[in-house]
Amino acid sequence: MPRVCEICQGAKAILRRPKTGQSICKECFFRVFETEVHNTIVDNKLFRRGDRVGIGASGGKDSTVLAYVMKTLNERYDYGLDLFLLSVDEGISGYRDDSLETVKRNKEQYELPLLIVSYEQLYGWSMDAIVETVGRKNNCTFCGVFRRQALDRGALMLDLDHIVTGHNADDVAETILMNIFRGDIPRLGRCTEIATSGDGYITRSKPFKYAYEKEIVMYAYFRKLDYFSTECTYSPNAYRGYAREFLKDLEAVRPSAILDIIHSGEAMQVASEVKLPSQTSCERCGYISSNRVCKACVLLEGLERGVPQLGIGKSVKKTQDLLAGRTATRSGRAVDVVHFDKLRKHAQEMRHERCTGCTCDTSAPGT
């Protein structure tokens, strides 16, 4: 006899929620998934009416579902947000170029404006060129650092107040484990926060912080959403992969392990005698940094000098101090990275133009 949905007690149950173990029908799954994301947004006061919100769009399942859900909730609950798609082209042939075609289709499907920024445009290097120089080891370090800054640069180009990313509960739990394994206290304290300040001007948040990856996949499947599912060409050797496998083993034994790890990370407190790095601005590009020269500028310097290991591992702090006060080395291949102060000024000018004639404070994000 077919099992009845445990929520509506009427329709046939067609799936079991990985998060709760409930057997439910498709419509109830849509409703509870969307409601949980809405509650996360409301409980954490992520947005203000009138915010310009960029959705980090890669074409993958997480960002595609996020774009669909954000548009749906914005209309259903009248958040009053202006939504945009913001994509980063890392320059990975056969992967990112294909996934960006999905993003372009999503742009038409969801009727949202799209901006694509590229590593080549911003830094003068594509990931293909970087991997050719550094090899398959540590290439994810370059990509992660450059991608984070690229999103903030794109956000300033659009004068966004907020960036939302598709990081889900599995991603957050993996990050907590990675930072514990590495003993990275500063990152361990930040990685559980649902909202953080990117470049000090734009807020970045994770509406899917408590959403299981399996449920995001199920949502995309049952909604018949258009997304790209191929894994990054350069990611198989990434350190995160080992944390992911460990987490999957834990989840198989205890499905609540993902949320348990997140709640444990949220409850952790750093002892008062532990000295944490203070935030300042990179003297080269103006990006938020705990050193005089940010990690992205150090990595770029290494690429330009032909010593790509310059900013990797234990040499990072020493190298950052060494480069402080020096003019960046530039080869014929590189482009000058636009200073963040210039981008912020341009964003403020765009905001002022939009707000001409109104009484809002154009110096404050979200106005």
Protein backbone atom coordinates (compact mmCIF):
# COMPACT_ATOMS: atom_id res chain seq x y z
CA MET A 1 0.00 0.00 0.00
CA PRO A 2 1.42 3.43 -0.99
CA ARG A 3 2.70 5.50 1.92
CA VAL A 4 0.79 8.70 2.63
CA CYS A 5 2.54 12.05 3.07
CA GLU A 6 3.26 12.62 6.75
CA ILE A 7 2.52 16.35 6.45
CA CYS A 8 -0.69 16.71 4.43
CA GLN A 9 -1.97 13.18 5.16
CA GLY A 10 -3.53 13.12 1.72
CA ALA A 11 -1.13 12.84 -1.21
CA LYS A 12 1.18 9.95 -1.91
CA ALA A 13 4.65 10.26 -0.38
CA ILE A 14 7.32 10.11 -3.06
CA LEU A 15 10.47 11.00 -1.10
CA ARG A 16 12.08 10.78 2.31
CA ARG A 17 13.66 14.00 3.55
CA PRO A 18 17.36 13.41 4.36
CA LYS A 19 17.16 16.19 6.95
CA THR A 20 14.22 14.85 8.99
CA GLY A 21 13.50 11.34 7.71
CA GLN A 22 9.88 12.30 6.93
CA SER A 23 8.09 10.61 4.02
CA ILE A 24 6.35 13.42 2.14
CA CYS A 25 4.80 14.36 -1.18
CA LYS A 26 6.40 16.64 -3.74
CA GLU A 27 4.26 19.71 -3.03
CA CYS A 28 4.83 19.49 0.72
CA PHE A 29 8.57 19.15 0.10
CA PHE A 30 8.57 22.32 -1.98
CA ARG A 31 6.61 24.15 0.71
CA VAL A 32 8.73 23.08 3.70
CA PHE A 33 12.02 23.64 1.85
CA GLU A 34 11.05 27.15 0.76
CA THR A 35 9.56 27.98 4.16
CA GLU A 36 12.73 26.90 5.97
CA VAL A 37 14.84 29.16 3.73
CA HIS A 38 12.36 32.01 4.29
CA ASN A 39 12.58 31.50 8.05
CA THR A 40 16.38 31.55 7.87
CA ILE A 41 16.23 34.86 6.01
CA VAL A 42 13.70 36.43 8.38
CA ASP A 43 15.15 35.09 11.64
CA ASN A 44 18.60 36.41 10.74
CA LYS A 45 17.30 39.70 9.27
CA LEU A 46 19.47 39.21 6.19
CA PHE A 47 17.91 41.91 3.99
CA ARG A 48 16.30 45.32 4.07
CA ARG A 49 13.63 46.48 1.67
CA GLY A 50 15.27 48.14 -1.32
CA ASP A 51 18.50 46.15 -1.06
CA ARG A 52 20.26 45.36 -4.33
CA VAL A 53 21.15 41.68 -3.95
CA GLY A 54 23.55 39.78 -6.19
CA ILE A 55 23.14 36.01 -6.43
CA GLY A 56 26.49 34.28 -6.91
CA ALA A 57 25.64 32.21 -9.98
CA SER A 58 27.90 29.41 -11.21
CA GLY A 59 25.27 27.39 -13.08
CA GLY A 60 25.57 24.54 -10.57
CA LYS A 61 22.70 23.05 -8.55
CA ASP A 62 23.20 25.21 -5.44
CA SER A 63 23.31 28.59 -7.14
CA THR A 64 20.54 27.68 -9.62
CA VAL A 65 18.20 26.60 -6.83
CA LEU A 66 19.20 29.70 -4.85
CA ALA A 67 18.31 31.98 -7.77
CA TYR A 68 14.95 30.28 -8.22
CA VAL A 69 14.11 30.30 -4.50
CA MET A 70 15.26 33.91 -3.97
CA LYS A 71 13.09 35.09 -6.85
CA THR A 72 10.14 33.02 -5.59
CA LEU A 73 10.39 34.21 -1.97
CA ASN A 74 11.01 37.82 -3.00
CA GLU A 75 7.73 37.79 -4.90
CA ARG A 76 5.76 35.65 -2.42
CA TYR A 77 6.71 37.57 0.72
CA ASP A 78 7.33 40.96 -0.89
CA TYR A 79 10.90 41.40 0.36
CA GLY A 80 11.27 44.40 -1.92
CA LEU A 81 14.69 43.32 -3.23
CA ASP A 82 16.31 44.08 -6.58
CA LEU A 83 17.91 40.80 -7.64
CA PHE A 84 20.88 40.30 -9.96
CA LEU A 85 22.92 37.32 -11.14
CA LEU A 86 26.67 37.73 -10.62
CA SER A 87 29.03 35.17 -12.15
CA VAL A 88 32.78 34.69 -12.13
CA ASP A 89 34.52 33.24 -15.18
CA GLU A 90 37.68 31.65 -13.82
CA GLY A 91 38.82 30.67 -17.30
CA ILE A 92 38.57 26.87 -17.14
CA SER A 93 38.06 25.45 -20.62
CA GLY A 94 35.48 22.71 -20.91
CA TYR A 95 34.00 23.52 -17.50
CA ARG A 96 33.31 27.14 -16.69
CA ASP A 97 32.60 28.16 -20.27
CA ASP A 98 29.92 25.44 -20.41
CA SER A 99 28.44 26.24 -17.00
CA LEU A 100 28.16 29.92 -17.89
CA GLU A 101 25.89 28.95 -20.77
CA THR A 102 23.55 27.55 -18.10
CA VAL A 103 23.75 30.84 -16.20
CA LYS A 104 22.84 32.73 -19.36
CA ARG A 105 19.77 30.49 -19.78
CA ASN A 106 18.87 31.10 -16.12
CA LYS A 107 19.07 34.84 -16.84
CA GLU A 108 16.32 34.45 -19.43
CA GLN A 109 14.31 31.91 -17.40
CA TYR A 110 14.23 34.02 -14.22
CA GLU A 111 14.33 37.41 -15.98
CA LEU A 112 17.22 38.67 -13.86
CA PRO A 113 20.08 40.97 -14.96
CA LEU A 114 23.46 39.21 -15.28
CA LEU A 115 27.04 40.44 -14.88
CA ILE A 116 30.01 38.17 -15.63
CA VAL A 117 33.48 39.14 -14.41
CA SER A 118 36.56 37.11 -15.32
CA TYR A 119 39.96 36.39 -13.83
CA GLU A 120 41.50 37.38 -17.14
CA GLN A 121 39.74 40.75 -16.99
CA LEU A 122 40.52 41.40 -13.32
CA TYR A 123 43.94 39.82 -12.81
CA GLY A 124 45.36 39.13 -16.26
CA TRP A 125 45.45 35.38 -15.55
CA SER A 126 42.96 32.60 -16.29
CA MET A 127 42.86 29.46 -14.15
CA ASP A 128 44.06 27.43 -17.13
CA ALA A 129 47.15 29.68 -17.31
CA ILE A 130 47.63 29.51 -13.53
CA VAL A 131 47.44 25.70 -13.49
CA GLU A 132 49.89 25.56 -16.39
CA THR A 133 52.27 27.55 -14.19
CA VAL A 134 51.70 26.05 -10.73
CA GLY A 135 50.53 22.53 -11.58
CA ARG A 136 47.60 20.64 -10.02
CA LYS A 137 48.80 21.13 -6.43
CA ASN A 138 47.61 24.26 -4.60
CA ASN A 139 45.70 25.53 -7.65
CA CYS A 140 42.48 25.66 -5.58
CA THR A 141 44.21 28.14 -3.25
CA PHE A 142 44.60 30.60 -6.13
CA CYS A 143 41.05 30.05 -7.33
CA GLY A 144 39.44 30.43 -3.91
CA VAL A 145 41.28 33.66 -3.08
CA PHE A 146 40.72 35.22 -6.52
CA ARG A 147 37.08 34.15 -6.71
CA ARG A 148 36.13 35.70 -3.38
CA GLN A 149 37.67 39.04 -4.34
CA ALA A 150 36.21 38.84 -7.86
CA LEU A 151 32.69 38.54 -6.43
CA ASP A 152 33.21 41.64 -4.32
CA ARG A 153 34.63 43.52 -7.30
CA GLY A 154 31.62 42.54 -9.41
CA ALA A 155 29.29 43.57 -6.60
CA LEU A 156 30.84 47.05 -6.52
CA MET A 157 30.50 47.32 -10.29
CA LEU A 158 26.75 46.75 -9.84
CA ASP A 159 26.59 48.81 -6.63
CA LEU A 160 25.13 45.88 -4.70
CA ASP A 161 24.36 45.99 -1.01
CA HIS A 162 24.44 42.24 -0.54
CA ILE A 163 25.76 39.04 -2.12
CA VAL A 164 24.09 35.69 -1.47
CA THR A 165 25.91 32.44 -2.23
CA GLY A 166 24.66 28.87 -2.51
CA HIS A 167 26.79 27.49 0.33
CA ASN A 168 24.69 24.79 1.96
CA ALA A 169 24.78 22.98 5.33
CA ASP A 170 27.20 20.37 3.98
CA ASP A 171 29.58 23.10 2.80
CA VAL A 172 29.49 24.86 6.18
CA ALA A 173 30.07 21.60 8.10
CA GLU A 174 32.98 20.71 5.79
CA THR A 175 34.53 24.14 6.35
CA ILE A 176 34.24 23.77 10.12
CA LEU A 177 35.99 20.39 9.94
CA MET A 178 38.73 21.75 7.67
CA ASN A 179 39.44 24.66 10.00
CA ILE A 180 39.53 22.34 13.02
CA PHE A 181 41.94 20.00 11.25
CA ARG A 182 44.16 22.96 10.32
CA GLY A 183 43.84 24.66 13.69
CA ASP A 184 42.75 27.83 11.90
CA ILE A 185 41.14 29.74 14.79
CA PRO A 186 40.32 33.01 12.95
CA ARG A 187 38.53 31.22 10.10
CA LEU A 188 36.82 28.80 12.50
CA GLY A 189 35.23 31.77 14.22
CA ARG A 190 33.99 33.29 10.95
CA CYS A 191 32.91 30.25 8.97
CA THR A 192 29.76 29.59 11.02
CA GLU A 193 28.45 33.14 10.61
CA ILE A 194 25.49 33.31 8.27
CA ALA A 195 26.40 36.84 7.18
CA THR A 196 29.83 38.44 6.92
CA SER A 197 31.33 41.62 5.53
CA GLY A 198 33.15 41.00 2.27
CA ASP A 199 35.28 44.01 1.41
CA GLY A 200 33.92 45.97 4.37
CA TYR A 201 31.29 47.59 2.14
CA ILE A 202 29.10 44.68 1.00
CA THR A 203 27.40 42.03 3.13
CA ARG A 204 27.72 38.40 2.06
CA SER A 205 25.32 35.74 3.35
CA LYS A 206 24.31 32.07 3.05
CA PRO A 207 20.50 31.59 2.97
CA PHE A 208 21.08 27.82 2.48
CA LYS A 209 23.20 27.53 5.64
CA TYR A 210 20.83 24.94 7.14
CA ALA A 211 19.74 23.28 3.86
CA TYR A 212 21.12 19.80 3.15
CA GLU A 213 22.87 19.30 -0.17
CA LYS A 214 20.77 16.20 -0.90
CA GLU A 215 17.59 18.21 -0.50
CA ILE A 216 18.86 20.92 -2.83
CA VAL A 217 19.52 18.23 -5.45
CA MET A 218 16.02 16.81 -4.90
CA TYR A 219 14.48 20.27 -5.16
CA ALA A 220 16.28 20.96 -8.45
CA TYR A 221 15.20 17.55 -9.79
CA PHE A 222 11.52 17.80 -8.88
CA ARG A 223 11.31 21.45 -9.98
CA LYS A 224 13.01 20.45 -13.24
CA LEU A 225 15.46 23.33 -12.95
CA ASP A 226 18.15 23.88 -15.56
CA TYR A 227 21.58 23.43 -13.97
CA PHE A 228 25.11 22.25 -14.80
CA SER A 229 26.34 19.18 -12.94
CA THR A 230 29.92 18.52 -14.07
CA GLU A 231 32.63 18.77 -11.38
CA CYS A 232 35.42 21.32 -11.78
CA THR A 233 38.33 19.95 -13.81
CA TYR A 234 40.87 20.99 -11.20
CA SER A 235 39.01 20.09 -7.96
CA PRO A 236 39.58 16.30 -7.45
CA ASN A 237 42.76 16.89 -5.43
CA ALA A 238 41.30 19.70 -3.31
CA TYR A 239 41.67 19.42 0.48
CA ARG A 240 37.91 19.97 0.85
CA GLY A 241 37.28 16.67 -0.92
CA TYR A 242 38.78 14.72 1.98
CA ALA A 243 36.61 16.59 4.50
CA ARG A 244 33.58 15.91 2.28
CA GLU A 245 34.22 12.16 2.23
CA PHE A 246 34.65 12.13 6.00
CA LEU A 247 31.39 14.06 6.46
CA LYS A 248 29.48 11.68 4.16
CA ASP A 249 30.65 8.73 6.26
CA LEU A 250 29.43 10.49 9.40
CA GLU A 251 26.09 11.34 7.78
CA ALA A 252 25.55 7.69 6.77
CA VAL A 253 25.79 6.70 10.43
CA ARG A 254 24.05 9.76 11.89
CA PRO A 255 22.00 11.92 9.44
CA SER A 256 21.91 14.80 11.92
CA ALA A 257 25.74 14.97 11.97
CA ILE A 258 25.75 17.87 9.49
CA LEU A 259 23.60 20.15 11.62
CA ASP A 260 25.28 18.87 14.81
CA ILE A 261 28.66 20.03 13.49
CA ILE A 262 27.24 23.43 12.49
CA HIS A 263 25.63 23.99 15.90
CA SER A 264 28.86 22.90 17.61
CA GLY A 265 30.82 25.37 15.49
CA GLU A 266 28.36 28.14 16.38
CA ALA A 267 28.76 27.37 20.09
CA MET A 268 32.57 27.40 20.05
CA GLN A 269 34.21 30.35 21.77
CA VAL A 270 37.77 31.55 21.42
CA ALA A 271 39.59 31.97 24.73
CA SER A 272 40.09 35.61 25.66
CA GLU A 273 43.87 35.23 25.75
CA VAL A 274 44.00 34.11 22.11
CA LYS A 275 45.07 37.04 19.94
CA LEU A 276 43.15 37.24 16.67
CA PRO A 277 44.39 39.22 13.64
CA SER A 278 42.88 42.67 13.19
CA GLN A 279 41.31 43.66 9.89
CA THR A 280 42.85 46.41 7.77
CA SER A 281 43.05 47.22 4.06
CA CYS A 282 45.61 45.97 1.54
CA GLU A 283 47.98 48.82 0.71
CA ARG A 284 48.09 47.68 -2.92
CA CYS A 285 44.47 46.99 -3.90
CA GLY A 286 42.45 48.27 -0.93
CA TYR A 287 40.75 44.93 -0.24
CA ILE A 288 40.05 43.92 3.36
CA SER A 289 43.03 42.05 4.80
CA SER A 290 44.67 41.06 8.07
CA ASN A 291 48.06 42.04 6.61
CA ARG A 292 49.45 45.07 4.81
CA VAL A 293 49.32 43.13 1.54
CA CYS A 294 46.35 40.82 0.91
CA LYS A 295 46.65 37.18 -0.14
CA ALA A 296 45.43 37.89 -3.69
CA CYS A 297 48.15 40.48 -4.29
CA VAL A 298 50.80 38.11 -2.90
CA LEU A 299 49.65 35.31 -5.20
CA LEU A 300 49.61 37.66 -8.19
CA GLU A 301 53.12 38.83 -7.33
CA GLY A 302 54.31 35.23 -7.30
CA LEU A 303 52.75 34.56 -10.70
CA GLU A 304 54.31 37.70 -12.18
CA ARG A 305 57.76 36.91 -10.81
CA GLY A 306 57.61 33.30 -11.96
CA VAL A 307 57.68 32.00 -8.37
CA PRO A 308 54.04 30.87 -7.88
CA GLN A 309 54.77 29.27 -4.48
CA LEU A 310 55.51 32.73 -3.07
CA GLY A 311 52.23 33.00 -1.18
CA ILE A 312 51.59 29.33 -0.39
CA GLY A 313 51.73 27.65 3.01
CA LYS A 314 53.99 28.84 5.81
CA SER A 315 55.66 31.47 3.64
CA VAL A 316 52.52 33.61 3.39
CA LYS A 317 52.99 35.92 6.40
CA LYS A 318 56.71 36.37 5.77
CA THR A 319 56.08 37.13 2.09
CA GLN A 320 53.31 39.62 2.89
CA ASP A 321 55.62 41.53 5.21
CA LEU A 322 58.39 41.40 2.58
CA LEU A 323 56.15 42.87 -0.13
CA ALA A 324 54.67 45.59 2.05
CA GLY A 325 55.70 49.01 0.82
CA ARG A 326 57.01 47.70 -2.50
CA THR A 327 55.58 48.47 -5.91
CA ALA A 328 53.96 45.46 -7.56
CA THR A 329 55.94 43.71 -10.27
CA ARG A 330 54.18 43.79 -13.64
CA SER A 331 55.00 41.82 -16.75
CA GLY A 332 53.57 42.45 -20.20
CA ARG A 333 50.91 39.85 -19.50
CA ALA A 334 49.37 41.30 -16.35
CA VAL A 335 46.87 44.08 -15.89
CA ASP A 336 46.80 46.58 -13.04
CA VAL A 337 44.20 45.57 -10.47
CA VAL A 338 41.79 48.46 -9.94
CA HIS A 339 41.96 49.74 -6.36
CA PHE A 340 38.87 49.02 -4.25
CA ASP A 341 38.61 52.66 -3.19
CA LYS A 342 38.04 53.59 -6.82
CA LEU A 343 35.36 50.91 -7.16
CA ARG A 344 33.64 52.04 -3.96
CA LYS A 345 33.65 55.66 -5.15
CA HIS A 346 32.12 54.61 -8.47
CA ALA A 347 29.45 52.57 -6.63
CA GLN A 348 28.59 55.57 -4.46
CA GLU A 349 28.28 57.76 -7.56
CA MET A 350 25.88 55.25 -9.15
CA ARG A 351 23.85 55.16 -5.94
CA HIS A 352 23.73 58.94 -5.80
CA GLU A 353 22.44 59.07 -9.39
CA ARG A 354 19.68 56.58 -8.55
CA CYS A 355 18.76 58.44 -5.37
CA THR A 356 18.73 61.96 -6.82
CA GLY A 357 15.60 63.66 -5.62
CA CYS A 358 14.99 61.31 -2.70
CA THR A 359 15.92 61.72 0.97
CA CYS A 360 17.86 58.52 1.54
CA ASP A 361 21.41 58.48 2.86
CA THR A 362 23.48 57.50 -0.18
CA SER A 363 26.54 56.76 1.94
CA ALA A 364 24.91 53.84 3.70
CA PRO A 365 24.51 50.40 2.07
CA GLY A 366 20.92 49.34 1.57
CA THR A 367 19.46 52.82 1.27
